[in-house]
Protein backbone atom coordinates (compact mmCIF):
# COMPACT_ATOMS: atom_id res chain seq x y z
CA MET A 1 -0.08 0.07 0.00
CA LYS A 2 1.33 3.50 -0.95
CA GLN A 3 0.51 6.67 0.80
CA SER A 4 0.74 9.96 -0.97
CA ILE A 5 0.74 13.61 0.09
CA GLU A 6 0.26 16.24 -2.78
CA SER A 7 0.06 19.75 -1.98
CA THR A 8 0.26 23.25 -4.08
CA PHE A 9 3.90 22.86 -3.45
CA PRO A 10 6.11 21.45 -6.03
CA ILE A 11 6.87 18.41 -3.95
CA ILE A 12 5.17 15.10 -4.06
CA GLY A 13 5.64 12.57 -1.07
CA ASN A 14 5.00 9.03 -0.86
CA VAL A 15 5.59 6.23 1.54
CA GLU A 16 5.56 2.73 0.52
CA GLU A 17 4.14 0.83 3.48
CA THR A 18 5.69 -2.63 2.52
CA THR A 19 9.15 -1.61 2.00
CA LYS A 20 9.20 1.64 4.25
CA GLU A 21 10.49 3.55 1.33
CA LEU A 22 10.04 7.30 1.42
CA SER A 23 10.40 9.03 -2.02
CA LEU A 24 9.89 12.76 -2.60
CA GLU A 25 9.44 13.85 -6.21
CA PHE A 26 10.25 17.63 -7.05
CA THR A 27 8.22 18.64 -9.81
CA GLU A 28 9.88 21.94 -10.21
CA ASP A 29 13.70 22.96 -9.76
CA LEU A 30 13.84 24.39 -6.27
CA GLY A 31 17.64 24.80 -6.23
CA ASP A 32 19.43 23.13 -3.12
CA VAL A 33 17.05 21.97 -0.26
CA VAL A 34 17.73 20.11 2.86
CA VAL A 35 15.51 17.16 3.46
CA THR A 36 15.52 16.08 7.04
CA VAL A 37 13.63 12.89 8.55
CA THR A 38 13.15 12.75 12.48
CA ASP A 39 11.82 10.11 14.64
CA ALA A 40 8.87 10.64 17.11
CA SER A 41 11.12 12.07 19.85
CA GLY A 42 12.30 14.85 17.20
CA LYS A 43 16.01 13.27 16.88
CA THR A 44 17.30 13.57 13.16
CA VAL A 45 17.54 10.20 11.75
CA TYR A 46 18.34 11.13 8.14
CA GLN A 47 19.55 14.49 6.74
CA GLU A 48 20.82 15.39 3.06
CA THR A 49 21.21 18.30 0.89
CA VAL A 50 19.40 17.56 -2.49
CA SER A 51 20.02 19.46 -5.61
CA THR A 52 16.46 19.20 -7.04
CA GLY A 53 17.52 20.38 -10.74
CA ASN A 54 19.83 17.39 -10.79
CA THR A 55 17.95 15.01 -8.40
CA PRO A 56 14.10 15.30 -9.27
CA THR A 57 13.26 12.19 -7.26
CA TRP A 58 14.89 11.59 -3.77
CA THR A 59 14.40 8.29 -2.12
CA VAL A 60 15.36 6.76 1.34
CA ILE A 61 14.41 3.44 3.23
CA LEU A 62 12.99 4.22 6.71
CA ASP A 63 13.50 2.20 9.63
CA GLU A 64 10.99 1.67 12.36
CA SER A 65 12.25 4.40 14.53
CA VAL A 66 10.74 7.04 12.26
CA GLN A 67 7.16 5.55 12.81
CA ASN A 68 5.28 8.82 13.69
CA GLY A 69 8.13 10.99 12.86
CA THR A 70 8.34 13.99 10.42
CA VAL A 71 9.97 14.73 7.04
CA THR A 72 10.95 18.38 6.33
CA VAL A 73 12.24 20.08 3.30
CA THR A 74 13.56 23.49 3.56
CA ASP A 75 15.45 25.93 1.09
CA GLY A 76 16.72 27.83 4.14
CA VAL A 77 13.70 30.37 3.76
CA ASN A 78 10.53 28.10 3.08
CA LEU A 79 9.71 24.89 5.26
CA VAL A 80 7.42 22.13 4.15
CA TYR A 81 6.95 19.41 6.39
CA GLY A 82 4.72 15.92 6.74
CA GLU A 83 4.08 13.40 9.33
CA ILE A 84 5.35 9.95 8.68
CA SER A 85 3.15 6.87 9.57
CA PHE A 86 3.05 3.18 8.29
């Protein structure tokens, strides 16, 4: 089962529940953004700078620690976040 989050922002997020794969699709070049995944306690589990012009789709395999965590995407000025549940 796949869960998707779509917004007016040029980012589409999906979590594949069986593989626990999080993918973010950048539908526009947003420049460099920082993608951060935190666990339920707020501890950073993954963090990576993504050049959205060169990497239109970003994927990471999540572990159980991020259940009820969050994913955030920021360019340093704007911030978008979503809750993770699987």
